[in-house]
């Protein structure tokens, strides 16, 4: 099976923006908890995932249209494009 081509948004990612801290910046402000973290590859903000109560990263996408995130979880090396619902793993 051949690899499918990456979407245009994932193709544009040449360098991974790593999280500055391993906290959801919005949950910290409200004293809430999160399950997993994601880092926006446009602006570098780190927010909680859709399994977390507040789904801050998806809210960030809807507010900004920044399409690509990475998992900010240690040991997870993948990108997700909201626009195209595309997923790809990468090597560090």
PDB file of N, CA and C in Angstrom:
ATOM      1  N   UNK A   1       0.841  -1.174   0.000  1.00  0.00           N
ATOM      2  CA  UNK A   1       0.000   0.000   0.000  1.00  0.00           C
ATOM      3  C   UNK A   1       0.887   1.238   0.000  1.00  0.00           C
ATOM      4  N   UNK A   2       0.603   2.156  -0.892  1.00  0.00           N
ATOM      5  CA  UNK A   2       1.405   3.375  -0.985  1.00  0.00           C
ATOM      6  C   UNK A   2       0.996   4.364   0.096  1.00  0.00           C
ATOM      7  N   UNK A   3       1.961   5.196   0.514  1.00  0.00           N
ATOM      8  CA  UNK A   3       1.649   6.261   1.458  1.00  0.00           C
ATOM      9  C   UNK A   3       0.817   7.323   0.764  1.00  0.00           C
ATOM     10  N   UNK A   4      -0.217   7.768   1.438  1.00  0.00           N
ATOM     11  CA  UNK A   4      -1.026   8.842   0.884  1.00  0.00           C
ATOM     12  C   UNK A   4      -0.261  10.148   1.049  1.00  0.00           C
ATOM     13  N   UNK A   5      -0.424  11.077   0.117  1.00  0.00           N
ATOM     14  CA  UNK A   5       0.262  12.357   0.246  1.00  0.00           C
ATOM     15  C   UNK A   5      -0.270  13.140   1.442  1.00  0.00           C
ATOM     16  N   UNK A   6       0.587  13.945   2.032  1.00  0.00           N
ATOM     17  CA  UNK A   6       0.181  14.786   3.152  1.00  0.00           C
ATOM     18  C   UNK A   6      -0.699  15.924   2.651  1.00  0.00           C
ATOM     19  N   UNK A   7      -1.557  16.420   3.507  1.00  0.00           N
ATOM     20  CA  UNK A   7      -2.358  17.587   3.139  1.00  0.00           C
ATOM     21  C   UNK A   7      -1.433  18.809   3.061  1.00  0.00           C
ATOM     22  N   UNK A   8      -1.916  19.862   2.441  1.00  0.00           N
ATOM     23  CA  UNK A   8      -1.096  21.061   2.243  1.00  0.00           C
ATOM     24  C   UNK A   8      -0.637  21.677   3.562  1.00  0.00           C
ATOM     25  N   UNK A   9      -1.454  21.566   4.613  1.00  0.00           N
ATOM     26  CA  UNK A   9      -1.091  22.159   5.904  1.00  0.00           C
ATOM     27  C   UNK A   9       0.044  21.388   6.572  1.00  0.00           C
ATOM     28  N   UNK A  10      -0.021  20.067   6.497  1.00  0.00           N
ATOM     29  CA  UNK A  10       1.064  19.256   7.064  1.00  0.00           C
ATOM     30  C   UNK A  10       2.338  19.402   6.243  1.00  0.00           C
ATOM     31  N   UNK A  11       2.204  19.538   4.936  1.00  0.00           N
ATOM     32  CA  UNK A  11       3.372  19.734   4.060  1.00  0.00           C
ATOM     33  C   UNK A  11       4.148  20.996   4.427  1.00  0.00           C
ATOM     34  N   UNK A  12       3.455  22.002   4.923  1.00  0.00           N
ATOM     35  CA  UNK A  12       4.088  23.290   5.256  1.00  0.00           C
ATOM     36  C   UNK A  12       4.934  23.235   6.522  1.00  0.00           C
ATOM     37  N   UNK A  13       4.725  22.214   7.347  1.00  0.00           N
ATOM     38  CA  UNK A  13       5.468  22.108   8.611  1.00  0.00           C
ATOM     39  C   UNK A  13       6.885  21.619   8.312  1.00  0.00           C
ATOM     40  N   UNK A  14       7.847  22.482   8.523  1.00  0.00           N
ATOM     41  CA  UNK A  14       9.250  22.134   8.281  1.00  0.00           C
ATOM     42  C   UNK A  14      10.023  21.943   9.581  1.00  0.00           C
ATOM     43  N   UNK A  15       9.554  22.589  10.652  1.00  0.00           N
ATOM     44  CA  UNK A  15      10.199  22.456  11.953  1.00  0.00           C
ATOM     45  C   UNK A  15       9.095  22.389  13.009  1.00  0.00           C
ATOM     46  N   UNK A  16       9.195  21.443  13.920  1.00  0.00           N
ATOM     47  CA  UNK A  16       8.192  21.235  14.955  1.00  0.00           C
ATOM     48  C   UNK A  16       8.371  22.262  16.070  1.00  0.00           C
ATOM     49  N   UNK A  17       7.285  22.928  16.438  1.00  0.00           N
ATOM     50  CA  UNK A  17       7.282  23.831  17.593  1.00  0.00           C
ATOM     51  C   UNK A  17       6.967  22.981  18.816  1.00  0.00           C
ATOM     52  N   UNK A  18       7.922  22.878  19.723  1.00  0.00           N
ATOM     53  CA  UNK A  18       7.751  22.089  20.942  1.00  0.00           C
ATOM     54  C   UNK A  18       7.083  22.943  22.030  1.00  0.00           C
ATOM     55  N   UNK A  19       6.398  22.317  22.976  1.00  0.00           N
ATOM     56  CA  UNK A  19       5.767  23.083  24.057  1.00  0.00           C
ATOM     57  C   UNK A  19       6.804  23.780  24.922  1.00  0.00           C
ATOM     58  N   UNK A  20       6.448  24.970  25.398  1.00  0.00           N
ATOM     59  CA  UNK A  20       7.328  25.701  26.322  1.00  0.00           C
ATOM     60  C   UNK A  20       7.211  25.108  27.719  1.00  0.00           C
ATOM     61  N   UNK A  21       5.972  24.750  28.083  1.00  0.00           N
ATOM     62  CA  UNK A  21       5.684  24.117  29.370  1.00  0.00           C
ATOM     63  C   UNK A  21       4.675  23.010  29.125  1.00  0.00           C
ATOM     64  N   UNK A  22       4.620  22.043  30.016  1.00  0.00           N
ATOM     65  CA  UNK A  22       3.673  20.938  29.886  1.00  0.00           C
ATOM     66  C   UNK A  22       2.450  21.199  30.753  1.00  0.00           C
ATOM     67  N   UNK A  23       1.750  22.289  30.420  1.00  0.00           N
ATOM     68  CA  UNK A  23       0.502  22.669  31.082  1.00  0.00           C
ATOM     69  C   UNK A  23      -0.441  23.235  30.029  1.00  0.00           C
ATOM     70  N   UNK A  24      -1.750  23.105  30.292  1.00  0.00           N
ATOM     71  CA  UNK A  24      -2.733  23.774  29.442  1.00  0.00           C
ATOM     72  C   UNK A  24      -2.803  25.220  29.921  1.00  0.00           C
ATOM     73  N   UNK A  25      -2.405  26.140  29.053  1.00  0.00           N
ATOM     74  CA  UNK A  25      -2.339  27.547  29.439  1.00  0.00           C
ATOM     75  C   UNK A  25      -3.698  28.093  29.868  1.00  0.00           C
ATOM     76  N   UNK A  26      -4.792  27.613  29.270  1.00  0.00           N
ATOM     77  CA  UNK A  26      -6.126  28.096  29.634  1.00  0.00           C
ATOM     78  C   UNK A  26      -6.652  27.429  30.901  1.00  0.00           C
ATOM     79  N   UNK A  27      -6.392  26.139  31.092  1.00  0.00           N
ATOM     80  CA  UNK A  27      -6.825  25.457  32.320  1.00  0.00           C
ATOM     81  C   UNK A  27      -6.132  26.050  33.543  1.00  0.00           C
ATOM     82  N   UNK A  28      -4.875  26.423  33.408  1.00  0.00           N
ATOM     83  CA  UNK A  28      -4.133  27.038  34.520  1.00  0.00           C
ATOM     84  C   UNK A  28      -4.841  28.310  34.977  1.00  0.00           C
ATOM     85  N   UNK A  29      -5.335  29.109  34.024  1.00  0.00           N
ATOM     86  CA  UNK A  29      -6.006  30.379  34.351  1.00  0.00           C
ATOM     87  C   UNK A  29      -7.281  30.151  35.157  1.00  0.00           C
ATOM     88  N   UNK A  30      -7.972  29.043  34.917  1.00  0.00           N
ATOM     89  CA  UNK A  30      -9.262  28.788  35.573  1.00  0.00           C
ATOM     90  C   UNK A  30      -9.171  27.744  36.684  1.00  0.00           C
ATOM     91  N   UNK A  31      -7.988  27.187  36.895  1.00  0.00           N
ATOM     92  CA  UNK A  31      -7.806  26.185  37.937  1.00  0.00           C
ATOM     93  C   UNK A  31      -8.378  24.822  37.577  1.00  0.00           C
ATOM     94  N   UNK A  32      -8.579  24.569  36.282  1.00  0.00           N
ATOM     95  CA  UNK A  32      -9.118  23.293  35.814  1.00  0.00           C
ATOM     96  C   UNK A  32      -7.998  22.295  35.562  1.00  0.00           C
ATOM     97  N   UNK A  33      -8.394  21.039  35.339  1.00  0.00           N
ATOM     98  CA  UNK A  33      -7.443  19.966  35.040  1.00  0.00           C
ATOM     99  C   UNK A  33      -7.601  19.521  33.594  1.00  0.00           C
ATOM    100  N   UNK A  34      -6.576  18.839  33.083  1.00  0.00           N
ATOM    101  CA  UNK A  34      -6.580  18.339  31.715  1.00  0.00           C
ATOM    102  C   UNK A  34      -6.066  16.921  31.695  1.00  0.00           C
ATOM    103  N   UNK A  35      -6.310  16.234  30.574  1.00  0.00           N
ATOM    104  CA  UNK A  35      -5.810  14.861  30.411  1.00  0.00           C
ATOM    105  C   UNK A  35      -4.536  14.835  29.573  1.00  0.00           C
ATOM    106  N   UNK A  36      -4.598  15.379  28.352  1.00  0.00           N
ATOM    107  CA  UNK A  36      -3.456  15.373  27.446  1.00  0.00           C
ATOM    108  C   UNK A  36      -3.287  16.762  26.846  1.00  0.00           C
ATOM    109  N   UNK A  37      -2.083  17.029  26.374  1.00  0.00           N
ATOM    110  CA  UNK A  37      -1.765  18.356  25.845  1.00  0.00           C
ATOM    111  C   UNK A  37      -1.432  18.312  24.365  1.00  0.00           C
ATOM    112  N   UNK A  38      -1.730  19.402  23.675  1.00  0.00           N
ATOM    113  CA  UNK A  38      -1.428  19.583  22.256  1.00  0.00           C
ATOM    114  C   UNK A  38      -0.790  20.948  22.084  1.00  0.00           C
ATOM    115  N   UNK A  39       0.121  21.062  21.105  1.00  0.00           N
ATOM    116  CA  UNK A  39       0.784  22.336  20.835  1.00  0.00           C
ATOM    117  C   UNK A  39       0.478  22.785  19.414  1.00  0.00           C
ATOM    118  N   UNK A  40      -0.018  23.997  19.286  1.00  0.00           N
ATOM    119  CA  UNK A  40      -0.344  24.581  17.980  1.00  0.00           C
ATOM    120  C   UNK A  40       0.945  24.835  17.206  1.00  0.00           C
ATOM    121  N   UNK A  41       0.960  24.439  15.949  1.00  0.00           N
ATOM    122  CA  UNK A  41       2.150  24.606  15.116  1.00  0.00           C
ATOM    123  C   UNK A  41       2.163  25.937  14.367  1.00  0.00           C
ATOM    124  N   UNK A  42       1.185  26.783  14.625  1.00  0.00           N
ATOM    125  CA  UNK A  42       1.189  28.138  14.072  1.00  0.00           C
ATOM    126  C   UNK A  42       1.702  29.140  15.098  1.00  0.00           C
ATOM    127  N   UNK A  43       1.142  29.082  16.318  1.00  0.00           N
ATOM    128  CA  UNK A  43       1.497  30.092  17.322  1.00  0.00           C
ATOM    129  C   UNK A  43       2.237  29.538  18.538  1.00  0.00           C
ATOM    130  N   UNK A  44       2.282  28.212  18.701  1.00  0.00           N
ATOM    131  CA  UNK A  44       3.038  27.608  19.790  1.00  0.00           C
ATOM    132  C   UNK A  44       2.298  27.465  21.115  1.00  0.00           C
ATOM    133  N   UNK A  45       1.030  27.839  21.182  1.00  0.00           N
ATOM    134  CA  UNK A  45       0.276  27.699  22.421  1.00  0.00           C
ATOM    135  C   UNK A  45       0.063  26.215  22.717  1.00  0.00           C
ATOM    136  N   UNK A  46       0.140  25.851  23.997  1.00  0.00           N
ATOM    137  CA  UNK A  46      -0.115  24.478  24.429  1.00  0.00           C
ATOM    138  C   UNK A  46      -1.405  24.473  25.227  1.00  0.00           C
ATOM    139  N   UNK A  47      -2.348  23.625  24.779  1.00  0.00           N
ATOM    140  CA  UNK A  47      -3.678  23.553  25.388  1.00  0.00           C
ATOM    141  C   UNK A  47      -4.115  22.099  25.496  1.00  0.00           C
ATOM    142  N   UNK A  48      -5.236  21.886  26.175  1.00  0.00           N
ATOM    143  CA  UNK A  48      -5.720  20.525  26.413  1.00  0.00           C
ATOM    144  C   UNK A  48      -6.455  19.943  25.206  1.00  0.00           C
ATOM    145  N   UNK A  49      -6.511  18.611  25.187  1.00  0.00           N
ATOM    146  CA  UNK A  49      -7.076  17.847  24.069  1.00  0.00           C
ATOM    147  C   UNK A  49      -8.589  17.666  24.203  1.00  0.00           C
ATOM    148  N   UNK A  50      -9.172  16.988  23.237  1.00  0.00           N
ATOM    149  CA  UNK A  50     -10.616  16.744  23.238  1.00  0.00           C
ATOM    150  C   UNK A  50     -11.068  15.752  24.302  1.00  0.00           C
ATOM    151  N   UNK A  51     -10.163  14.989  24.885  1.00  0.00           N
ATOM    152  CA  UNK A  51     -10.525  14.100  25.981  1.00  0.00           C
ATOM    153  C   UNK A  51     -10.565  14.842  27.312  1.00  0.00           C
ATOM    154  N   UNK A  52     -10.083  16.063  27.316  1.00  0.00           N
ATOM    155  CA  UNK A  52     -10.105  16.898  28.512  1.00  0.00           C
ATOM    156  C   UNK A  52     -11.451  17.626  28.590  1.00  0.00           C
ATOM    157  N   UNK A  53     -11.904  17.961  29.793  1.00  0.00           N
ATOM    158  CA  UNK A  53     -13.223  18.580  29.946  1.00  0.00           C
ATOM    159  C   UNK A  53     -13.431  19.867  29.137  1.00  0.00           C
ATOM    160  N   UNK A  54     -12.391  20.682  28.997  1.00  0.00           N
ATOM    161  CA  UNK A  54     -12.564  21.991  28.353  1.00  0.00           C
ATOM    162  C   UNK A  54     -12.236  22.035  26.857  1.00  0.00           C
ATOM    163  N   UNK A  55     -11.618  21.014  26.320  1.00  0.00           N
ATOM    164  CA  UNK A  55     -11.265  20.932  24.886  1.00  0.00           C
ATOM    165  C   UNK A  55     -10.687  22.254  24.356  1.00  0.00           C
ATOM    166  N   UNK A  56      -9.743  22.820  25.088  1.00  0.00           N
ATOM    167  CA  UNK A  56      -9.219  24.137  24.724  1.00  0.00           C
ATOM    168  C   UNK A  56      -8.539  24.186  23.357  1.00  0.00           C
ATOM    169  N   UNK A  57      -7.833  23.104  22.956  1.00  0.00           N
ATOM    170  CA  UNK A  57      -7.141  23.185  21.670  1.00  0.00           C
ATOM    171  C   UNK A  57      -8.132  23.243  20.508  1.00  0.00           C
ATOM    172  N   UNK A  58      -9.206  22.473  20.569  1.00  0.00           N
ATOM    173  CA  UNK A  58     -10.207  22.548  19.504  1.00  0.00           C
ATOM    174  C   UNK A  58     -10.871  23.919  19.492  1.00  0.00           C
ATOM    175  N   UNK A  59     -11.121  24.480  20.651  1.00  0.00           N
ATOM    176  CA  UNK A  59     -11.677  25.843  20.723  1.00  0.00           C
ATOM    177  C   UNK A  59     -10.699  26.843  20.117  1.00  0.00           C
ATOM    178  N   UNK A  60      -9.418  26.637  20.361  1.00  0.00           N
ATOM    179  CA  UNK A  60      -8.378  27.501  19.777  1.00  0.00           C
ATOM    180  C   UNK A  60      -8.426  27.417  18.253  1.00  0.00           C
ATOM    181  N   UNK A  61      -8.542  26.202  17.731  1.00  0.00           N
ATOM    182  CA  UNK A  61      -8.631  26.032  16.278  1.00  0.00           C
ATOM    183  C   UNK A  61      -9.838  26.783  15.711  1.00  0.00           C
ATOM    184  N   UNK A  62     -10.990  26.624  16.327  1.00  0.00           N
ATOM    185  CA  UNK A  62     -12.193  27.297  15.815  1.00  0.00           C
ATOM    186  C   UNK A  62     -12.070  28.821  15.893  1.00  0.00           C
ATOM    187  N   UNK A  63     -11.379  29.327  16.900  1.00  0.00           N
ATOM    188  CA  UNK A  63     -11.217  30.771  17.057  1.00  0.00           C
ATOM    189  C   UNK A  63     -10.166  31.357  16.118  1.00  0.00           C
ATOM    190  N   UNK A  64      -9.128  30.568  15.799  1.00  0.00           N
ATOM    191  CA  UNK A  64      -7.977  31.098  15.053  1.00  0.00           C
ATOM    192  C   UNK A  64      -7.804  30.529  13.651  1.00  0.00           C
ATOM    193  N   UNK A  65      -8.378  29.349  13.419  1.00  0.00           N
ATOM    194  CA  UNK A  65      -8.167  28.597  12.175  1.00  0.00           C
ATOM    195  C   UNK A  65      -6.722  28.142  12.003  1.00  0.00           C
ATOM    196  N   UNK A  66      -5.953  28.022  13.098  1.00  0.00           N
ATOM    197  CA  UNK A  66      -4.609  27.438  13.040  1.00  0.00           C
ATOM    198  C   UNK A  66      -4.795  25.940  12.864  1.00  0.00           C
ATOM    199  N   UNK A  67      -4.399  25.369  11.714  1.00  0.00           N
ATOM    200  CA  UNK A  67      -4.827  24.016  11.365  1.00  0.00           C
ATOM    201  C   UNK A  67      -4.056  22.851  11.983  1.00  0.00           C
ATOM    202  N   UNK A  68      -2.776  23.013  12.318  1.00  0.00           N
ATOM    203  CA  UNK A  68      -1.956  21.849  12.680  1.00  0.00           C
ATOM    204  C   UNK A  68      -1.510  21.918  14.134  1.00  0.00           C
ATOM    205  N   UNK A  69      -1.645  20.758  14.803  1.00  0.00           N
ATOM    206  CA  UNK A  69      -1.175  20.612  16.182  1.00  0.00           C
ATOM    207  C   UNK A  69      -0.278  19.380  16.265  1.00  0.00           C
ATOM    208  N   UNK A  70       0.516  19.335  17.333  1.00  0.00           N
ATOM    209  CA  UNK A  70       1.238  18.108  17.674  1.00  0.00           C
ATOM    210  C   UNK A  70       0.749  17.650  19.037  1.00  0.00           C
ATOM    211  N   UNK A  71       0.976  16.378  19.322  1.00  0.00           N
ATOM    212  CA  UNK A  71       0.808  15.912  20.686  1.00  0.00           C
ATOM    213  C   UNK A  71       1.975  16.471  21.489  1.00  0.00           C
ATOM    214  N   UNK A  72       1.664  17.039  22.636  1.00  0.00           N
ATOM    215  CA  UNK A  72       2.711  17.545  23.528  1.00  0.00           C
ATOM    216  C   UNK A  72       3.029  16.524  24.614  1.00  0.00           C
ATOM    217  N   UNK A  73       2.526  15.309  24.439  1.00  0.00           N
ATOM    218  CA  UNK A  73       2.787  14.247  25.407  1.00  0.00           C
ATOM    219  C   UNK A  73       4.157  13.621  25.128  1.00  0.00           C
ATOM    220  N   UNK A  74       4.987  13.459  26.159  1.00  0.00           N
ATOM    221  CA  UNK A  74       6.289  12.826  25.965  1.00  0.00           C
ATOM    222  C   UNK A  74       6.143  11.452  25.317  1.00  0.00           C
ATOM    223  N   UNK A  75       6.968  11.190  24.319  1.00  0.00           N
ATOM    224  CA  UNK A  75       6.967   9.911  23.623  1.00  0.00           C
ATOM    225  C   UNK A  75       5.984   9.812  22.470  1.00  0.00           C
ATOM    226  N   UNK A  76       5.108  10.794  22.308  1.00  0.00           N
ATOM    227  CA  UNK A  76       4.171  10.803  21.186  1.00  0.00           C
ATOM    228  C   UNK A  76       4.683  11.779  20.133  1.00  0.00           C
ATOM    229  N   UNK A  77       4.888  11.291  18.922  1.00  0.00           N
ATOM    230  CA  UNK A  77       5.433  12.113  17.843  1.00  0.00           C
ATOM    231  C   UNK A  77       4.476  12.107  16.658  1.00  0.00           C
ATOM    232  N   UNK A  78       3.420  12.907  16.758  1.00  0.00           N
ATOM    233  CA  UNK A  78       2.472  12.973  15.657  1.00  0.00           C
ATOM    234  C   UNK A  78       1.910  14.378  15.499  1.00  0.00           C
ATOM    235  N   UNK A  79       1.453  14.627  14.278  1.00  0.00           N
ATOM    236  CA  UNK A  79       0.791  15.887  13.934  1.00  0.00           C
ATOM    237  C   UNK A  79      -0.628  15.582  13.492  1.00  0.00           C
ATOM    238  N   UNK A  80      -1.521  16.533  13.706  1.00  0.00           N
ATOM    239  CA  UNK A  80      -2.918  16.424  13.281  1.00  0.00           C
ATOM    240  C   UNK A  80      -3.316  17.730  12.602  1.00  0.00           C
ATOM    241  N   UNK A  81      -3.984  17.605  11.468  1.00  0.00           N
ATOM    242  CA  UNK A  81      -4.522  18.769  10.769  1.00  0.00           C
ATOM    243  C   UNK A  81      -6.032  18.774  10.964  1.00  0.00           C
ATOM    244  N   UNK A  82      -6.531  19.801  11.628  1.00  0.00           N
ATOM    245  CA  UNK A  82      -7.977  19.936  11.826  1.00  0.00           C
ATOM    246  C   UNK A  82      -8.708  20.121  10.496  1.00  0.00           C
ATOM    247  N   UNK A  83      -8.168  20.961   9.620  1.00  0.00           N
ATOM    248  CA  UNK A  83      -8.851  21.264   8.355  1.00  0.00           C
ATOM    249  C   UNK A  83      -9.138  20.012   7.542  1.00  0.00           C
ATOM    250  N   UNK A  84      -8.144  19.156   7.419  1.00  0.00           N
ATOM    251  CA  UNK A  84      -8.251  17.991   6.535  1.00  0.00           C
ATOM    252  C   UNK A  84      -8.421  16.677   7.298  1.00  0.00           C
ATOM    253  N   UNK A  85      -8.509  16.752   8.626  1.00  0.00           N
ATOM    254  CA  UNK A  85      -8.598  15.571   9.465  1.00  0.00           C
ATOM    255  C   UNK A  85      -7.522  14.548   9.074  1.00  0.00           C
ATOM    256  N   UNK A  86      -6.300  15.061   8.981  1.00  0.00           N
ATOM    257  CA  UNK A  86      -5.158  14.247   8.553  1.00  0.00           C
ATOM    258  C   UNK A  86      -4.193  14.069   9.727  1.00  0.00           C
ATOM    259  N   UNK A  87      -3.621  12.886   9.815  1.00  0.00           N
ATOM    260  CA  UNK A  87      -2.728  12.485  10.900  1.00  0.00           C
ATOM    261  C   UNK A  87      -1.435  11.959  10.297  1.00  0.00           C
ATOM    262  N   UNK A  88      -0.307  12.317  10.895  1.00  0.00           N
ATOM    263  CA  UNK A  88       0.964  11.761  10.448  1.00  0.00           C
ATOM    264  C   UNK A  88       1.916  11.679  11.646  1.00  0.00           C
ATOM    265  N   UNK A  89       2.688  10.603  11.696  1.00  0.00           N
ATOM    266  CA  UNK A  89       3.730  10.474  12.715  1.00  0.00           C
ATOM    267  C   UNK A  89       5.024  11.046  12.148  1.00  0.00           C
ATOM    268  N   UNK A  90       5.888  11.511  13.012  1.00  0.00           N
ATOM    269  CA  UNK A  90       7.175  12.053  12.590  1.00  0.00           C
ATOM    270  C   UNK A  90       8.274  11.500  13.499  1.00  0.00           C
ATOM    271  N   UNK A  91       9.505  11.582  13.009  1.00  0.00           N
ATOM    272  CA  UNK A  91      10.673  11.153  13.792  1.00  0.00           C
ATOM    273  C   UNK A  91      11.359  12.367  14.373  1.00  0.00           C
ATOM    274  N   UNK A  92      11.758  12.239  15.616  1.00  0.00           N
ATOM    275  CA  UNK A  92      12.482  13.332  16.292  1.00  0.00           C
ATOM    276  C   UNK A  92      13.945  13.233  15.977  1.00  0.00           C
TER     277      UNK A  92
END
